[in-house]
Amino acid sequence: MDGFEAAAEAGIHRIAVPTPFAVGRVNVYVIEDAPLTLVDAGPNSGTSFDELQRGIDRLGHSLDEIELIVLTHQHIDHLGLIPLVVARSGAEVAAIDAAVPFVGNFRGEAQADDDFARDLMLRHGIAEDVVTALQSVSQAFRAWGASVEVTRPLRDGDTLELSDRTLHVHHRPGHSPTDTVFHDRERRILLAADHLLAHIS
């Protein structure tokens, strides 16, 4: 039995949502518990939204039944669809407190990151035309992200109490400054999102 099968037996179901990026699909998860919980949502695209809805439907639920969305980190392929899901369901959004300023002002914070990267690249001798091209790509990608209102800020060491499980919250910066993993100690299951990746550029 692989990890996804073991998780499904524990009521944690993977939906592999397509992205427009070379990395391919992103995993989001439905936790069949009370509240019905979605972990991440995928990028802001119609194709991704359709696949997310189909995946939830296959589990015998609908998007408007989602009551809680848990964000693992600030990247666009994980947060882009959250506002659409919230608009349909009225779900609460939980995320580590360190993510709240970034995801609440996504475009402004993404621009600040780009400005920092531009200054750093120029200072270290990267040609200005290359820097400009890289910034154009980054700006084009922003359409797949979105600002997210976090209604339930979490702190490192908190617990998320669901009806049939407790998820221990651990802020573990690495892949991003806001990487957060959620550990179900009883079932020995870790929802780690992109904190653990087998293959990436």
Protein backbone atom coordinates (compact mmCIF):
# COMPACT_ATOMS: atom_id res chain seq x y z
CA MET A 1 0.00 0.00 0.00
CA ASP A 2 1.48 3.38 -0.99
CA GLY A 3 1.21 6.60 1.02
CA PHE A 4 -1.78 7.95 -0.93
CA GLU A 5 -3.72 4.70 -0.38
CA ALA A 6 -2.95 4.73 3.34
CA ALA A 7 -4.04 8.37 3.55
CA ALA A 8 -7.27 7.61 1.66
CA GLU A 9 -8.07 4.86 4.15
CA ALA A 10 -7.70 7.52 6.84
CA GLY A 11 -10.09 9.86 5.00
CA ILE A 12 -7.45 12.06 3.33
CA HIS A 13 -7.95 12.05 -0.44
CA ARG A 14 -5.54 13.45 -3.02
CA ILE A 15 -6.76 15.43 -6.03
CA ALA A 16 -3.97 16.07 -8.56
CA VAL A 17 -4.89 19.47 -10.00
CA PRO A 18 -3.30 20.59 -13.29
CA THR A 19 -1.09 23.67 -13.40
CA PRO A 20 0.20 25.71 -16.33
CA PHE A 21 3.77 25.21 -15.07
CA ALA A 22 6.50 22.79 -16.10
CA VAL A 23 6.36 21.14 -12.68
CA GLY A 24 3.01 19.59 -13.67
CA ARG A 25 0.13 18.83 -11.34
CA VAL A 26 -0.14 19.97 -7.75
CA ASN A 27 -1.60 17.80 -5.02
CA VAL A 28 -4.48 19.15 -2.98
CA TYR A 29 -6.28 17.09 -0.37
CA VAL A 30 -9.82 16.65 0.89
CA ILE A 31 -10.05 15.54 4.51
CA GLU A 32 -13.37 13.80 5.07
CA ASP A 33 -14.03 14.94 8.60
CA ALA A 34 -15.99 17.65 10.35
CA PRO A 35 -15.42 20.26 9.18
CA LEU A 36 -15.00 19.01 5.59
CA THR A 37 -11.51 20.32 4.89
CA LEU A 38 -9.58 21.20 1.74
CA VAL A 39 -5.78 21.41 2.01
CA ASP A 40 -4.59 23.91 -0.64
CA ALA A 41 -6.61 24.56 -3.79
CA GLY A 42 -4.45 24.85 -6.92
CA PRO A 43 -3.68 27.77 -9.24
CA ASN A 44 -6.24 30.29 -10.41
CA SER A 45 -7.24 28.79 -13.76
CA GLY A 46 -10.47 27.47 -15.22
CA THR A 47 -8.93 24.08 -15.99
CA SER A 48 -7.66 23.72 -12.43
CA PHE A 49 -11.01 24.82 -10.99
CA ASP A 50 -12.91 22.29 -13.11
CA GLU A 51 -10.58 19.46 -12.07
CA LEU A 52 -10.85 20.44 -8.42
CA GLN A 53 -14.65 20.38 -8.61
CA ARG A 54 -14.64 17.00 -10.40
CA GLY A 55 -12.30 15.55 -7.80
CA ILE A 56 -14.52 16.69 -4.94
CA ASP A 57 -17.60 15.39 -6.78
CA ARG A 58 -15.95 11.96 -7.20
CA LEU A 59 -15.66 11.78 -3.42
CA GLY A 60 -19.41 12.30 -3.08
CA HIS A 61 -19.17 15.93 -1.97
CA SER A 62 -19.57 19.30 -3.64
CA LEU A 63 -17.45 22.42 -3.53
CA ASP A 64 -20.04 24.32 -1.53
CA GLU A 65 -19.73 21.76 1.30
CA ILE A 66 -16.12 22.75 2.03
CA GLU A 67 -16.05 24.35 5.48
CA LEU A 68 -12.32 24.83 6.08
CA ILE A 69 -9.40 25.47 3.72
CA VAL A 70 -5.90 24.91 5.08
CA LEU A 71 -3.07 26.67 3.22
CA THR A 72 0.34 25.00 3.38
CA HIS A 73 2.37 27.88 1.92
CA GLN A 74 2.26 31.05 -0.15
CA HIS A 75 2.94 29.78 -3.69
CA ILE A 76 0.49 30.48 -6.49
CA ASP A 77 -0.11 26.84 -7.41
CA HIS A 78 -1.44 26.27 -3.88
CA LEU A 79 -3.40 29.44 -3.13
CA GLY A 80 -4.77 30.72 -6.45
CA LEU A 81 -8.20 29.08 -6.26
CA ILE A 82 -8.87 29.73 -2.58
CA PRO A 83 -10.94 32.91 -3.12
CA LEU A 84 -13.19 31.07 -5.61
CA VAL A 85 -13.72 28.18 -3.22
CA VAL A 86 -14.50 30.62 -0.40
CA ALA A 87 -16.97 32.48 -2.64
CA ARG A 88 -18.79 29.22 -3.37
CA SER A 89 -18.64 27.67 0.10
CA GLY A 90 -18.10 30.39 2.69
CA ALA A 91 -15.25 28.28 4.11
CA GLU A 92 -12.87 29.50 6.77
CA VAL A 93 -9.23 29.83 5.71
CA ALA A 94 -6.46 28.70 8.06
CA ALA A 95 -2.77 29.48 7.47
CA ILE A 96 0.37 30.02 9.50
CA ASP A 97 0.58 33.57 10.86
CA ALA A 98 3.79 34.21 8.90
CA ALA A 99 1.82 33.80 5.65
CA VAL A 100 -0.98 36.21 6.51
CA PRO A 101 0.68 39.48 5.34
CA PHE A 102 1.94 37.92 2.10
CA VAL A 103 -1.24 36.15 1.02
CA GLY A 104 -3.45 39.03 2.15
CA ASN A 105 -1.60 41.41 -0.21
CA PHE A 106 -0.47 38.91 -2.82
CA ARG A 107 0.25 41.30 -5.72
CA GLY A 108 2.04 43.88 -3.61
CA GLU A 109 4.17 41.28 -1.83
CA ALA A 110 4.98 39.48 -5.10
CA GLN A 111 6.12 42.82 -6.56
CA ALA A 112 8.30 43.45 -3.50
CA ASP A 113 9.88 40.00 -4.00
CA ASP A 114 10.54 40.84 -7.65
CA ASP A 115 12.09 44.19 -6.73
CA PHE A 116 14.39 42.48 -4.23
CA ALA A 117 15.37 39.82 -6.79
CA ARG A 118 16.02 42.47 -9.45
CA ASP A 119 18.34 44.45 -7.17
CA LEU A 120 20.15 41.28 -6.10
CA MET A 121 20.67 40.04 -9.67
CA LEU A 122 21.90 43.41 -10.94
CA ARG A 123 24.26 43.79 -7.97
CA HIS A 124 25.80 40.43 -8.79
CA GLY A 125 26.39 41.12 -12.46
CA ILE A 126 23.43 39.56 -14.27
CA ALA A 127 22.76 41.47 -17.48
CA GLU A 128 19.86 43.92 -17.28
CA ASP A 129 18.07 42.43 -20.31
CA VAL A 130 18.12 38.99 -18.65
CA VAL A 131 16.79 40.47 -15.39
CA THR A 132 14.01 42.26 -17.29
CA ALA A 133 13.03 39.05 -19.10
CA LEU A 134 12.91 37.11 -15.82
CA GLN A 135 10.75 39.79 -14.23
CA SER A 136 8.34 39.69 -17.18
CA VAL A 137 7.89 35.95 -16.67
CA SER A 138 7.31 36.44 -12.94
CA GLN A 139 4.71 39.15 -13.56
CA ALA A 140 2.89 36.97 -16.09
CA PHE A 141 2.70 34.16 -13.51
CA ARG A 142 0.93 36.38 -10.97
CA ALA A 143 -2.43 35.91 -12.70
CA TRP A 144 -2.47 32.35 -11.33
CA GLY A 145 -2.22 33.64 -7.77
CA ALA A 146 -4.68 35.64 -5.69
CA SER A 147 -4.96 37.52 -2.44
CA VAL A 148 -6.42 35.38 0.31
CA GLU A 149 -8.13 36.53 3.49
CA VAL A 150 -6.97 34.25 6.29
CA THR A 151 -9.76 34.01 8.86
CA ARG A 152 -7.95 31.59 11.17
CA PRO A 153 -4.25 32.42 11.68
CA LEU A 154 -2.21 29.53 13.06
CA ARG A 155 0.99 29.55 15.09
CA ASP A 156 3.81 27.04 15.18
CA GLY A 157 2.84 24.42 17.76
CA ASP A 158 -0.93 24.96 17.46
CA THR A 159 -3.34 22.13 16.79
CA LEU A 160 -6.18 21.98 14.30
CA GLU A 161 -8.96 20.00 15.91
CA LEU A 162 -11.28 18.16 13.55
CA SER A 163 -14.00 15.83 14.72
CA ASP A 164 -11.98 12.61 14.28
CA ARG A 165 -8.39 13.82 14.21
CA THR A 166 -5.93 16.38 15.55
CA LEU A 167 -3.44 17.99 13.17
CA HIS A 168 -0.32 19.41 14.81
CA VAL A 169 0.86 22.60 13.09
CA HIS A 170 4.59 23.03 12.41
CA HIS A 171 6.01 26.08 10.61
CA ARG A 172 8.96 24.72 8.63
CA PRO A 173 10.39 27.34 6.24
CA GLY A 174 12.39 25.87 3.38
CA HIS A 175 10.69 25.54 0.02
CA SER A 176 9.06 28.89 0.90
CA PRO A 177 9.26 31.18 3.95
CA THR A 178 5.79 30.01 5.01
CA ASP A 179 6.01 26.22 4.56
CA THR A 180 3.75 24.58 7.10
CA VAL A 181 3.34 20.87 7.71
CA PHE A 182 0.39 19.24 9.47
CA HIS A 183 1.02 16.07 11.46
CA ASP A 184 -1.64 13.56 12.43
CA ARG A 185 0.37 11.84 15.15
CA GLU A 186 -2.21 9.16 15.85
CA ARG A 187 -2.25 7.94 12.25
CA ARG A 188 1.41 8.79 11.56
CA ILE A 189 0.45 10.87 8.53
CA LEU A 190 2.23 14.10 7.60
CA LEU A 191 0.65 16.58 5.18
CA ALA A 192 3.85 18.21 3.95
CA ALA A 193 2.87 19.79 0.58
CA ASP A 194 6.02 20.99 -1.22
CA HIS A 195 8.23 20.83 1.87
CA LEU A 196 9.17 17.34 0.62
CA LEU A 197 9.61 17.05 -3.14
CA ALA A 198 11.09 14.15 -5.07
CA HIS A 199 11.87 16.10 -8.25
CA ILE A 200 11.97 19.83 -8.83
CA SER A 201 14.08 22.29 -10.78
